[in-house]
Amino acid sequence: MRGFLQLNPSLHPPTHTPYTYTMLFSTSFISTLLLASVVQAAPSGPDNALEARAPCNPGYYPNYNKNGVCTLCPAGHYCPDGQSLSNCGTGQYQPKTGTKQGPCPDCPSGTYQPNEGQASCIPAPKGGYVLYPGAHSYNNASSGSFQGVMGQNLTCTTCCGYSAVGNSNTVATRCPSGTYASPGSGGACTKTKANCVVPATCTQLANGTCPAGTQNH
């Protein structure tokens, strides 16, 4: 018929049957529901990530900078429950990795540590000392004493005829000719004779041993 477009069914067969449309709709609907459930269940932060992941073994912790991957406990710390990273306290240290239990060991005498989470301790400097373990600071050698070796827990008193005025002395200084000082004197040398024998030297040994005739304190 003129003026009308007629389609030949044999040339344009229907591409979908009613059954096919029903299957496509059902599959699409189910996929949408599954996608929605996955989005709702997905963790959105560290707390949720921890809930969704089993705790790490002791000696490890969940590193949220790496998507919560279980990471070996670093030196200076301990990880007791597989969920937390605990710092060693001040005056403490931990050189090992993978430590499970705290507290960390105390710094030995002669050393100190002012910061948390450290793998080692700091030796007391020359002119200073640390008497007790677990210290977070060091003491200065007092007037009349000196300390010329690092990492020591005591100081040496001055010899007869030597002085160490002020604090943090690393050596004992021999008095000028004609002046004197008593052992352990924290004052300046004077012309008053001391009732003692002046040694040729008042030098500390490399291992920290004080000069003969002096005292550790």
N, C-alpha and C. Protein backbone atom coordinates (compact mmCIF):
# COMPACT_ATOMS: atom_id res chain seq x y z
N MET A 1 0.87 -1.19 0.00
CA MET A 1 0.00 0.00 0.00
C MET A 1 0.89 1.22 0.00
N ARG A 2 0.57 2.20 -0.82
CA ARG A 2 1.38 3.40 -0.93
C ARG A 2 1.20 4.25 0.32
N GLY A 3 2.25 4.87 0.77
CA GLY A 3 2.20 5.77 1.94
C GLY A 3 2.42 5.05 3.26
N PHE A 4 2.59 3.77 3.28
CA PHE A 4 2.84 3.03 4.51
C PHE A 4 4.08 2.18 4.35
N LEU A 5 4.86 2.08 5.47
CA LEU A 5 6.06 1.24 5.47
C LEU A 5 5.67 -0.11 6.03
N GLN A 6 5.86 -1.11 5.23
CA GLN A 6 5.53 -2.45 5.69
C GLN A 6 6.83 -3.21 5.97
N LEU A 7 6.90 -3.86 7.14
CA LEU A 7 8.07 -4.65 7.52
C LEU A 7 7.82 -6.11 7.22
N ASN A 8 8.78 -6.71 6.63
CA ASN A 8 8.67 -8.14 6.35
C ASN A 8 9.15 -8.91 7.56
N PRO A 9 8.27 -9.64 8.24
CA PRO A 9 8.68 -10.37 9.45
C PRO A 9 9.83 -11.30 9.22
N SER A 10 9.93 -11.82 8.00
CA SER A 10 11.02 -12.76 7.73
C SER A 10 12.37 -12.08 7.69
N LEU A 11 12.36 -10.72 7.37
CA LEU A 11 13.62 -9.98 7.33
C LEU A 11 13.99 -9.40 8.68
N HIS A 12 13.05 -9.16 9.54
CA HIS A 12 13.29 -8.56 10.85
C HIS A 12 12.65 -9.41 11.93
N PRO A 13 13.24 -10.54 12.27
CA PRO A 13 12.62 -11.37 13.32
C PRO A 13 12.80 -10.71 14.67
N PRO A 14 11.91 -10.96 15.58
CA PRO A 14 12.04 -10.38 16.94
C PRO A 14 13.31 -10.92 17.60
N THR A 15 14.05 -10.00 18.20
CA THR A 15 15.33 -10.40 18.83
C THR A 15 15.12 -10.97 20.23
N HIS A 16 14.07 -10.64 20.95
CA HIS A 16 13.83 -11.12 22.30
C HIS A 16 12.41 -11.60 22.43
N THR A 17 12.26 -12.72 23.02
CA THR A 17 10.92 -13.24 23.33
C THR A 17 10.52 -12.72 24.69
N PRO A 18 9.25 -12.80 25.06
CA PRO A 18 8.84 -12.40 26.43
C PRO A 18 9.63 -13.15 27.49
N TYR A 19 9.94 -14.41 27.22
CA TYR A 19 10.71 -15.18 28.19
C TYR A 19 12.12 -14.61 28.37
N THR A 20 12.70 -14.19 27.22
CA THR A 20 14.04 -13.59 27.29
C THR A 20 14.03 -12.31 28.08
N TYR A 21 13.04 -11.45 27.88
CA TYR A 21 12.94 -10.20 28.64
C TYR A 21 12.81 -10.50 30.13
N THR A 22 12.05 -11.51 30.48
CA THR A 22 11.87 -11.87 31.89
C THR A 22 13.19 -12.29 32.51
N MET A 23 13.97 -13.11 31.80
CA MET A 23 15.25 -13.55 32.31
C MET A 23 16.23 -12.39 32.47
N LEU A 24 16.28 -11.49 31.49
CA LEU A 24 17.17 -10.34 31.57
C LEU A 24 16.82 -9.45 32.75
N PHE A 25 15.55 -9.22 32.95
CA PHE A 25 15.13 -8.38 34.07
C PHE A 25 15.49 -9.03 35.40
N SER A 26 15.26 -10.34 35.52
CA SER A 26 15.54 -11.04 36.77
C SER A 26 17.03 -11.02 37.08
N THR A 27 17.85 -11.28 36.05
CA THR A 27 19.30 -11.27 36.26
C THR A 27 19.80 -9.89 36.66
N SER A 28 19.30 -8.85 36.01
CA SER A 28 19.70 -7.49 36.34
C SER A 28 19.28 -7.11 37.74
N PHE A 29 18.11 -7.50 38.15
CA PHE A 29 17.61 -7.18 39.49
C PHE A 29 18.45 -7.85 40.56
N ILE A 30 18.76 -9.14 40.34
CA ILE A 30 19.57 -9.87 41.32
C ILE A 30 20.97 -9.28 41.42
N SER A 31 21.55 -8.92 40.27
CA SER A 31 22.89 -8.31 40.28
C SER A 31 22.89 -7.00 41.05
N THR A 32 21.83 -6.22 40.90
CA THR A 32 21.74 -4.94 41.62
C THR A 32 21.68 -5.17 43.12
N LEU A 33 20.91 -6.17 43.56
CA LEU A 33 20.82 -6.47 44.98
C LEU A 33 22.16 -6.93 45.53
N LEU A 34 22.85 -7.80 44.79
CA LEU A 34 24.15 -8.27 45.25
C LEU A 34 25.15 -7.14 45.36
N LEU A 35 25.18 -6.24 44.38
CA LEU A 35 26.09 -5.11 44.41
C LEU A 35 25.81 -4.20 45.59
N ALA A 36 24.55 -3.97 45.89
CA ALA A 36 24.18 -3.12 47.03
C ALA A 36 24.63 -3.74 48.33
N SER A 37 24.48 -5.07 48.46
CA SER A 37 24.88 -5.72 49.70
C SER A 37 26.38 -5.67 49.89
N VAL A 38 27.15 -5.80 48.79
CA VAL A 38 28.61 -5.72 48.89
C VAL A 38 29.05 -4.33 49.31
N VAL A 39 28.44 -3.29 48.75
CA VAL A 39 28.79 -1.91 49.09
C VAL A 39 28.50 -1.64 50.56
N GLN A 40 27.38 -2.14 51.07
CA GLN A 40 27.03 -1.90 52.46
C GLN A 40 27.97 -2.64 53.40
N ALA A 41 28.47 -3.82 52.98
CA ALA A 41 29.32 -4.61 53.86
C ALA A 41 30.78 -4.21 53.81
N ALA A 42 31.18 -3.43 52.81
CA ALA A 42 32.59 -3.08 52.65
C ALA A 42 33.05 -2.17 53.78
N PRO A 43 34.22 -2.44 54.41
CA PRO A 43 34.73 -1.56 55.45
C PRO A 43 35.13 -0.22 54.89
N SER A 44 34.91 0.83 55.69
CA SER A 44 35.19 2.19 55.21
C SER A 44 36.30 2.87 55.98
N GLY A 45 36.88 2.23 56.98
CA GLY A 45 37.94 2.88 57.75
C GLY A 45 38.69 1.88 58.59
N PRO A 46 39.66 2.34 59.39
CA PRO A 46 40.48 1.44 60.19
C PRO A 46 39.67 0.57 61.14
N ASP A 47 38.63 1.14 61.77
CA ASP A 47 37.85 0.36 62.72
C ASP A 47 37.14 -0.79 62.02
N ASN A 48 36.49 -0.46 60.92
CA ASN A 48 35.79 -1.50 60.18
C ASN A 48 36.76 -2.51 59.59
N ALA A 49 37.90 -2.03 59.14
CA ALA A 49 38.89 -2.94 58.58
C ALA A 49 39.35 -3.93 59.63
N LEU A 50 39.52 -3.48 60.88
CA LEU A 50 39.94 -4.35 61.95
C LEU A 50 38.86 -5.37 62.27
N GLU A 51 37.59 -4.96 62.20
CA GLU A 51 36.50 -5.88 62.47
C GLU A 51 36.41 -6.94 61.38
N ALA A 52 36.69 -6.56 60.16
CA ALA A 52 36.56 -7.48 59.04
C ALA A 52 37.75 -8.42 58.94
N ARG A 53 38.86 -8.12 59.59
CA ARG A 53 40.08 -8.90 59.49
C ARG A 53 40.37 -9.56 60.83
N ALA A 54 40.79 -10.81 60.79
CA ALA A 54 41.16 -11.49 62.03
C ALA A 54 42.39 -10.83 62.63
N PRO A 55 42.52 -10.82 63.97
CA PRO A 55 43.71 -10.20 64.58
C PRO A 55 44.99 -10.86 64.08
N CYS A 56 46.05 -10.08 64.05
CA CYS A 56 47.36 -10.62 63.68
C CYS A 56 47.88 -11.50 64.82
N ASN A 57 48.89 -12.27 64.54
CA ASN A 57 49.54 -13.05 65.59
C ASN A 57 50.31 -12.12 66.52
N PRO A 58 50.49 -12.50 67.80
CA PRO A 58 51.35 -11.70 68.68
C PRO A 58 52.73 -11.52 68.05
N GLY A 59 53.28 -10.33 68.22
CA GLY A 59 54.54 -9.99 67.56
C GLY A 59 54.34 -9.30 66.24
N TYR A 60 53.06 -9.15 65.83
CA TYR A 60 52.69 -8.42 64.62
C TYR A 60 51.59 -7.42 64.95
N TYR A 61 51.34 -6.47 64.06
CA TYR A 61 50.27 -5.51 64.24
C TYR A 61 49.68 -5.15 62.88
N PRO A 62 48.40 -4.73 62.82
CA PRO A 62 47.80 -4.34 61.54
C PRO A 62 48.26 -2.94 61.14
N ASN A 63 48.95 -2.85 60.03
CA ASN A 63 49.48 -1.58 59.54
C ASN A 63 48.45 -0.94 58.60
N TYR A 64 47.74 0.08 59.08
CA TYR A 64 46.68 0.69 58.29
C TYR A 64 47.22 1.60 57.18
N ASN A 65 48.52 1.89 57.22
CA ASN A 65 49.12 2.58 56.08
C ASN A 65 49.31 1.63 54.90
N LYS A 66 49.14 0.33 55.18
CA LYS A 66 49.25 -0.69 54.13
C LYS A 66 47.99 -1.56 54.11
N ASN A 67 46.83 -0.90 54.29
CA ASN A 67 45.54 -1.58 54.22
C ASN A 67 45.38 -2.66 55.28
N GLY A 68 45.97 -2.42 56.45
CA GLY A 68 45.78 -3.35 57.56
C GLY A 68 46.58 -4.62 57.46
N VAL A 69 47.58 -4.67 56.60
CA VAL A 69 48.41 -5.86 56.45
C VAL A 69 49.16 -6.13 57.76
N CYS A 70 49.19 -7.38 58.20
CA CYS A 70 49.92 -7.73 59.41
C CYS A 70 51.41 -7.49 59.18
N THR A 71 52.01 -6.69 60.06
CA THR A 71 53.39 -6.25 59.89
C THR A 71 54.20 -6.62 61.13
N LEU A 72 55.43 -7.06 60.92
CA LEU A 72 56.30 -7.44 62.02
C LEU A 72 56.51 -6.26 62.97
N CYS A 73 56.38 -6.51 64.26
CA CYS A 73 56.55 -5.46 65.27
C CYS A 73 57.98 -4.91 65.17
N PRO A 74 58.14 -3.60 65.01
CA PRO A 74 59.49 -3.04 64.83
C PRO A 74 60.26 -2.95 66.14
N ALA A 75 61.56 -2.75 66.03
CA ALA A 75 62.39 -2.52 67.21
C ALA A 75 61.90 -1.27 67.94
N GLY A 76 62.05 -1.27 69.26
CA GLY A 76 61.58 -0.14 70.05
C GLY A 76 60.13 -0.27 70.46
N HIS A 77 59.49 -1.39 70.11
CA HIS A 77 58.08 -1.60 70.39
C HIS A 77 57.82 -3.05 70.79
N TYR A 78 56.59 -3.31 71.25
CA TYR A 78 56.13 -4.68 71.45
C TYR A 78 54.66 -4.75 71.05
N CYS A 79 54.24 -5.94 70.59
CA CYS A 79 52.89 -6.14 70.04
C CYS A 79 52.29 -7.38 70.70
N PRO A 80 51.63 -7.22 71.85
CA PRO A 80 51.22 -8.38 72.64
C PRO A 80 49.99 -9.13 72.12
N ASP A 81 49.07 -8.43 71.48
CA ASP A 81 47.79 -9.05 71.15
C ASP A 81 47.50 -9.13 69.66
N GLY A 82 48.43 -8.74 68.82
CA GLY A 82 48.20 -8.76 67.39
C GLY A 82 47.30 -7.66 66.89
N GLN A 83 46.95 -6.73 67.76
CA GLN A 83 46.05 -5.65 67.37
C GLN A 83 46.63 -4.27 67.65
N SER A 84 47.67 -4.19 68.47
CA SER A 84 48.19 -2.88 68.87
C SER A 84 49.71 -2.86 68.78
N LEU A 85 50.24 -1.64 68.62
CA LEU A 85 51.68 -1.39 68.56
C LEU A 85 52.03 -0.51 69.75
N SER A 86 52.75 -1.06 70.73
CA SER A 86 53.05 -0.33 71.97
C SER A 86 54.50 0.12 71.98
N ASN A 87 54.71 1.38 72.39
CA ASN A 87 56.06 1.93 72.48
C ASN A 87 56.77 1.46 73.73
N CYS A 88 58.08 1.26 73.64
CA CYS A 88 58.89 1.15 74.85
C CYS A 88 58.88 2.51 75.53
N GLY A 89 58.89 2.52 76.86
CA GLY A 89 58.84 3.77 77.59
C GLY A 89 60.19 4.46 77.64
N THR A 90 60.21 5.67 78.19
CA THR A 90 61.48 6.35 78.42
C THR A 90 62.31 5.53 79.40
N GLY A 91 63.62 5.54 79.22
CA GLY A 91 64.48 4.72 80.07
C GLY A 91 64.49 3.26 79.68
N GLN A 92 63.83 2.93 78.56
CA GLN A 92 63.76 1.55 78.09
C GLN A 92 64.21 1.46 76.63
N TYR A 93 64.40 0.23 76.17
CA TYR A 93 64.79 0.01 74.77
C TYR A 93 64.41 -1.41 74.37
N GLN A 94 64.35 -1.66 73.08
CA GLN A 94 64.10 -3.01 72.57
C GLN A 94 64.78 -3.14 71.21
N PRO A 95 65.92 -3.82 71.14
CA PRO A 95 66.64 -3.93 69.87
C PRO A 95 66.05 -4.95 68.91
N LYS A 96 65.20 -5.85 69.41
CA LYS A 96 64.67 -6.93 68.58
C LYS A 96 63.38 -6.52 67.88
N THR A 97 63.10 -7.17 66.76
CA THR A 97 61.82 -7.03 66.08
C THR A 97 60.94 -8.24 66.41
N GLY A 98 59.63 -8.07 66.24
CA GLY A 98 58.71 -9.18 66.50
C GLY A 98 58.50 -9.48 67.96
N THR A 99 58.76 -8.50 68.84
CA THR A 99 58.59 -8.72 70.27
C THR A 99 57.12 -8.84 70.63
N LYS A 100 56.78 -9.87 71.41
CA LYS A 100 55.38 -10.13 71.74
C LYS A 100 54.96 -9.48 73.06
N GLN A 101 55.83 -9.49 74.04
CA GLN A 101 55.44 -9.06 75.38
C GLN A 101 56.28 -7.88 75.86
N GLY A 102 55.67 -7.00 76.63
CA GLY A 102 56.35 -5.93 77.33
C GLY A 102 56.43 -6.27 78.80
N PRO A 103 56.97 -5.41 79.62
CA PRO A 103 57.61 -4.16 79.22
C PRO A 103 58.98 -4.40 78.58
N CYS A 104 59.51 -3.37 77.99
CA CYS A 104 60.83 -3.45 77.36
C CYS A 104 61.92 -3.42 78.43
N PRO A 105 63.11 -3.91 78.13
CA PRO A 105 64.21 -3.88 79.10
C PRO A 105 64.60 -2.44 79.47
N ASP A 106 65.04 -2.29 80.71
CA ASP A 106 65.56 -0.99 81.15
C ASP A 106 66.94 -0.76 80.54
N CYS A 107 67.24 0.50 80.26
CA CYS A 107 68.59 0.85 79.83
C CYS A 107 69.57 0.52 80.96
N PRO A 108 70.72 -0.07 80.68
CA PRO A 108 71.69 -0.38 81.73
C PRO A 108 72.24 0.89 82.36
N SER A 109 72.79 0.75 83.55
CA SER A 109 73.46 1.89 84.18
C SER A 109 74.59 2.34 83.26
N GLY A 110 74.82 3.64 83.23
CA GLY A 110 75.79 4.21 82.30
C GLY A 110 75.17 4.67 81.00
N THR A 111 73.89 4.33 80.80
CA THR A 111 73.17 4.75 79.60
C THR A 111 71.81 5.31 80.00
N TYR A 112 71.15 5.95 79.06
CA TYR A 112 69.83 6.55 79.32
C TYR A 112 69.06 6.64 78.01
N GLN A 113 67.77 6.91 78.11
CA GLN A 113 66.94 7.10 76.91
C GLN A 113 65.77 8.04 77.25
N PRO A 114 65.79 9.26 76.70
CA PRO A 114 64.74 10.23 77.02
C PRO A 114 63.47 10.07 76.18
N ASN A 115 63.52 9.24 75.14
CA ASN A 115 62.39 9.13 74.21
C ASN A 115 61.74 7.76 74.27
N GLU A 116 60.48 7.69 73.86
CA GLU A 116 59.76 6.43 73.77
C GLU A 116 60.04 5.76 72.42
N GLY A 117 59.81 4.44 72.39
CA GLY A 117 59.88 3.71 71.13
C GLY A 117 61.26 3.61 70.53
N GLN A 118 62.27 3.40 71.36
CA GLN A 118 63.65 3.39 70.86
C GLN A 118 64.26 1.99 70.89
N ALA A 119 65.16 1.75 69.94
CA ALA A 119 65.80 0.44 69.82
C ALA A 119 67.09 0.34 70.63
N SER A 120 67.62 1.44 71.11
CA SER A 120 68.89 1.42 71.84
C SER A 120 68.91 2.53 72.87
N CYS A 121 69.90 2.47 73.73
CA CYS A 121 70.09 3.50 74.77
C CYS A 121 71.28 4.38 74.41
N ILE A 122 71.36 5.52 75.05
CA ILE A 122 72.41 6.50 74.76
C ILE A 122 73.46 6.46 75.87
N PRO A 123 74.73 6.28 75.55
CA PRO A 123 75.75 6.30 76.60
C PRO A 123 75.84 7.68 77.25
N ALA A 124 76.06 7.68 78.55
CA ALA A 124 76.30 8.95 79.23
C ALA A 124 77.52 9.62 78.61
N PRO A 125 77.48 10.93 78.38
CA PRO A 125 78.60 11.60 77.74
C PRO A 125 79.78 11.77 78.69
N LYS A 126 80.92 12.14 78.15
CA LYS A 126 82.04 12.52 79.01
C LYS A 126 81.61 13.69 79.88
N GLY A 127 82.01 13.67 81.12
CA GLY A 127 81.58 14.71 82.06
C GLY A 127 80.25 14.39 82.71
N GLY A 128 79.67 13.24 82.36
CA GLY A 128 78.39 12.83 82.95
C GLY A 128 78.41 11.35 83.31
N TYR A 129 77.34 10.90 83.96
CA TYR A 129 77.24 9.49 84.35
C TYR A 129 75.78 9.15 84.61
N VAL A 130 75.47 7.87 84.62
CA VAL A 130 74.13 7.38 84.95
C VAL A 130 74.30 6.28 85.98
N LEU A 131 73.80 6.52 87.17
CA LEU A 131 74.04 5.60 88.28
C LEU A 131 73.16 4.36 88.21
N TYR A 132 71.86 4.53 87.94
CA TYR A 132 70.92 3.41 88.02
C TYR A 132 70.35 3.04 86.64
N PRO A 133 69.93 1.77 86.48
CA PRO A 133 69.27 1.37 85.23
C PRO A 133 67.91 2.07 85.07
N GLY A 134 67.45 2.14 83.83
CA GLY A 134 66.13 2.69 83.55
C GLY A 134 66.07 4.21 83.58
N ALA A 135 67.19 4.88 83.38
CA ALA A 135 67.22 6.35 83.46
C ALA A 135 66.79 6.97 82.14
N HIS A 136 66.12 8.12 82.24
CA HIS A 136 65.75 8.88 81.04
C HIS A 136 66.60 10.14 80.88
N SER A 137 67.61 10.31 81.76
CA SER A 137 68.54 11.43 81.65
C SER A 137 69.85 11.04 82.35
N TYR A 138 70.87 11.86 82.18
CA TYR A 138 72.15 11.60 82.84
C TYR A 138 72.45 12.71 83.84
N ASN A 139 73.39 12.43 84.74
CA ASN A 139 73.84 13.41 85.73
C ASN A 139 75.20 13.97 85.33
N ASN A 140 75.42 15.22 85.67
CA ASN A 140 76.73 15.83 85.44
C ASN A 140 77.67 15.51 86.59
N ALA A 141 78.93 15.31 86.25
CA ALA A 141 79.93 15.15 87.30
C ALA A 141 79.98 16.43 88.13
N SER A 142 79.92 16.28 89.43
CA SER A 142 79.87 17.45 90.32
C SER A 142 81.27 18.02 90.54
N SER A 143 81.32 19.19 91.10
CA SER A 143 82.59 19.84 91.39
C SER A 143 83.44 18.96 92.30
N GLY A 144 84.71 18.82 91.96
CA GLY A 144 85.59 17.94 92.74
C GLY A 144 85.67 16.54 92.17
N SER A 145 84.94 16.29 91.09
CA SER A 145 84.98 14.98 90.44
C SER A 145 85.04 15.18 88.93
N PHE A 146 85.32 14.11 88.22
CA PHE A 146 85.40 14.19 86.76
C PHE A 146 85.08 12.83 86.15
N GLN A 147 84.77 12.86 84.88
CA GLN A 147 84.50 11.62 84.15
C GLN A 147 84.93 11.82 82.69
N GLY A 148 86.00 11.13 82.30
CA GLY A 148 86.54 11.32 80.96
C GLY A 148 86.20 10.22 79.98
N VAL A 149 85.34 9.27 80.38
CA VAL A 149 84.97 8.15 79.52
C VAL A 149 83.45 8.10 79.38
N MET A 150 82.97 7.85 78.18
CA MET A 150 81.53 7.77 77.95
C MET A 150 80.95 6.48 78.53
N GLY A 151 79.65 6.52 78.85
CA GLY A 151 78.93 5.32 79.25
C GLY A 151 79.27 4.80 80.63
N GLN A 152 79.60 5.68 81.56
CA GLN A 152 79.98 5.27 82.90
C GLN A 152 78.86 5.52 83.91
N ASN A 153 78.90 4.74 85.00
CA ASN A 153 77.87 4.88 86.03
C ASN A 153 78.38 5.57 87.29
N LEU A 154 79.66 5.97 87.31
CA LEU A 154 80.23 6.67 88.46
C LEU A 154 81.18 7.75 87.96
N THR A 155 81.68 8.55 88.89
CA THR A 155 82.71 9.54 88.56
C THR A 155 83.93 9.31 89.44
N CYS A 156 85.02 9.96 89.10
CA CYS A 156 86.26 9.86 89.86
C CYS A 156 86.47 11.16 90.65
N THR A 157 86.95 11.03 91.86
CA THR A 157 87.32 12.22 92.62
C THR A 157 88.72 12.68 92.18
N THR A 158 89.02 13.93 92.44
CA THR A 158 90.33 14.45 92.05
C THR A 158 91.43 13.92 92.98
N CYS A 159 92.63 13.86 92.44
CA CYS A 159 93.78 13.43 93.22
C CYS A 159 94.31 14.61 94.07
N CYS A 160 95.20 14.30 94.98
CA CYS A 160 95.88 15.34 95.73
C CYS A 160 96.66 16.24 94.76
N GLY A 161 96.48 17.55 94.90
CA GLY A 161 97.19 18.49 94.05
C GLY A 161 96.51 18.73 92.71
N TYR A 162 95.31 18.22 92.55
CA TYR A 162 94.54 18.43 91.31
C TYR A 162 93.17 18.98 91.67
N SER A 163 92.59 19.70 90.74
CA SER A 163 91.27 20.28 91.02
C SER A 163 90.33 20.04 89.83
N ALA A 164 89.04 20.14 90.13
CA ALA A 164 87.99 20.06 89.10
C ALA A 164 86.88 20.99 89.57
N VAL A 165 86.96 22.22 89.15
CA VAL A 165 86.02 23.25 89.61
C VAL A 165 84.80 23.28 88.69
N GLY A 166 83.64 23.37 89.29
CA GLY A 166 82.40 23.40 88.51
C GLY A 166 81.92 21.99 88.19
N ASN A 167 80.93 21.92 87.30
CA ASN A 167 80.32 20.63 86.94
C ASN A 167 80.76 20.17 85.56
N SER A 168 80.52 18.91 85.29
CA SER A 168 80.76 18.29 83.97
C SER A 168 82.23 18.26 83.58
N ASN A 169 83.11 18.13 84.54
CA ASN A 169 84.54 18.06 84.23
C ASN A 169 84.88 16.69 83.63
N THR A 170 85.75 16.71 82.65
CA THR A 170 86.19 15.46 82.02
C THR A 170 87.60 15.06 82.46
N VAL A 171 88.34 15.97 83.04
CA VAL A 171 89.69 15.68 83.53
C VAL A 171 89.91 16.43 84.84
N ALA A 172 90.92 15.98 85.58
CA ALA A 172 91.38 16.72 86.75
C ALA A 172 92.59 17.55 86.33
N THR A 173 92.60 18.80 86.75
CA THR A 173 93.66 19.72 86.33
C THR A 173 94.68 19.88 87.46
N ARG A 174 95.95 19.71 87.12
CA ARG A 174 96.98 19.82 88.15
C ARG A 174 97.13 21.27 88.59
N CYS A 175 97.30 21.45 89.88
CA CYS A 175 97.46 22.80 90.42
C CYS A 175 98.80 23.40 89.96
N PRO A 176 98.83 24.69 89.73
CA PRO A 176 100.10 25.35 89.36
C PRO A 176 101.14 25.20 90.48
N SER A 177 102.38 25.33 90.12
CA SER A 177 103.46 25.19 91.10
C SER A 177 103.27 26.17 92.25
N GLY A 178 103.44 25.69 93.46
CA GLY A 178 103.30 26.52 94.65
C GLY A 178 101.88 26.59 95.17
N THR A 179 100.96 25.90 94.52
CA THR A 179 99.57 25.85 95.00
C THR A 179 99.18 24.39 95.23
N TYR A 180 98.10 24.19 95.98
CA TYR A 180 97.74 22.85 96.41
C TYR A 180 96.21 22.70 96.42
N ALA A 181 95.82 21.43 96.46
CA ALA A 181 94.40 21.11 96.61
C ALA A 181 94.29 19.74 97.25
N SER A 182 93.37 19.60 98.17
CA SER A 182 93.14 18.31 98.81
C SER A 182 92.42 17.37 97.84
N PRO A 183 92.52 16.05 98.03
CA PRO A 183 91.79 15.10 97.17
C PRO A 183 90.28 15.37 97.20
N GLY A 184 89.68 15.33 96.03
CA GLY A 184 88.24 15.56 95.95
C GLY A 184 87.84 17.00 96.13
N SER A 185 88.81 17.92 96.08
CA SER A 185 88.48 19.33 96.29
C SER A 185 87.72 19.87 95.08
N GLY A 186 86.65 20.55 95.37
CA GLY A 186 85.87 21.19 94.32
C GLY A 186 86.22 22.65 94.17
N GLY A 187 87.15 23.12 94.99
CA GLY A 187 87.53 24.52 94.93
C GLY A 187 88.81 24.72 94.13
N ALA A 188 89.17 25.97 93.98
CA ALA A 188 90.40 26.30 93.25
C ALA A 188 91.62 25.95 94.09
N CYS A 189 92.73 25.79 93.43
CA CYS A 189 93.98 25.50 94.13
C CYS A 189 94.38 26.72 94.98
N THR A 190 94.95 26.44 96.15
CA THR A 190 95.36 27.53 97.06
C THR A 190 96.81 27.32 97.49
N LYS A 191 97.33 28.31 98.21
CA LYS A 191 98.71 28.22 98.68
C LYS A 191 98.82 27.41 99.96
N THR A 192 97.70 27.02 100.49
CA THR A 192 97.72 26.20 101.70
C THR A 192 98.14 24.78 101.33
N LYS A 193 99.19 24.31 101.97
CA LYS A 193 99.68 22.98 101.65
C LYS A 193 98.69 21.92 102.08
N ALA A 194 98.57 20.92 101.24
CA ALA A 194 97.68 19.80 101.55
C ALA A 194 98.52 18.68 102.15
N ASN A 195 97.95 18.01 103.12
CA ASN A 195 98.66 16.93 103.81
C ASN A 195 98.50 15.62 103.01
N CYS A 196 99.07 15.60 101.83
CA CYS A 196 98.95 14.42 100.96
C CYS A 196 100.08 14.45 99.94
N VAL A 197 100.27 13.33 99.28
CA VAL A 197 101.32 13.20 98.27
C VAL A 197 100.72 13.44 96.89
N VAL A 198 101.34 14.34 96.15
CA VAL A 198 100.82 14.67 94.82
C VAL A 198 101.34 13.65 93.81
N PRO A 199 100.46 12.92 93.12
CA PRO A 199 100.92 11.95 92.12
C PRO A 199 101.37 12.65 90.84
N ALA A 200 102.13 11.93 90.04
CA ALA A 200 102.62 12.52 88.78
C ALA A 200 101.47 12.77 87.81
N THR A 201 100.49 11.90 87.83
CA THR A 201 99.32 12.07 86.95
C THR A 201 98.05 11.77 87.74
N CYS A 202 96.97 12.22 87.19
CA CYS A 202 95.64 11.90 87.75
C CYS A 202 94.72 11.61 86.56
N THR A 203 95.10 10.56 85.83
CA THR A 203 94.43 10.26 84.56
C THR A 203 93.59 8.99 84.67
N GLN A 204 92.42 9.04 84.14
CA GLN A 204 91.51 7.90 84.13
C GLN A 204 91.89 6.95 82.99
N LEU A 205 91.75 5.64 83.22
CA LEU A 205 92.03 4.66 82.19
C LEU A 205 90.91 4.63 81.15
N ALA A 206 91.22 4.06 79.98
CA ALA A 206 90.25 4.02 78.88
C ALA A 206 89.01 3.20 79.21
N ASN A 207 89.15 2.23 80.12
CA ASN A 207 88.00 1.41 80.50
C ASN A 207 87.16 2.05 81.61
N GLY A 208 87.53 3.26 82.02
CA GLY A 208 86.76 3.97 83.03
C GLY A 208 87.32 3.87 84.43
N THR A 209 88.36 3.05 84.62
CA THR A 209 88.94 2.90 85.95
C THR A 209 89.54 4.22 86.41
N CYS A 210 89.22 4.59 87.64
CA CYS A 210 89.70 5.86 88.17
C CYS A 210 91.19 5.77 88.55
N PRO A 211 91.87 6.91 88.62
CA PRO A 211 93.28 6.91 89.02
C PRO A 211 93.47 6.29 90.40
N ALA A 212 94.64 5.71 90.62
CA ALA A 212 94.93 5.11 91.92
C ALA A 212 94.82 6.14 93.02
N GLY A 213 94.24 5.72 94.12
CA GLY A 213 94.11 6.61 95.27
C GLY A 213 92.90 7.50 95.23
N THR A 214 92.08 7.39 94.19
CA THR A 214 90.85 8.18 94.13
C THR A 214 89.65 7.26 94.32
N GLN A 215 88.51 7.85 94.42
CA GLN A 215 87.30 7.08 94.69
C GLN A 215 86.25 7.30 93.60
N ASN A 216 85.50 6.23 93.36
CA ASN A 216 84.31 6.37 92.53
C ASN A 216 83.16 6.85 93.41
N HIS A 217 82.33 7.72 92.86
CA HIS A 217 81.14 8.12 93.61
C HIS A 217 80.09 8.67 92.66
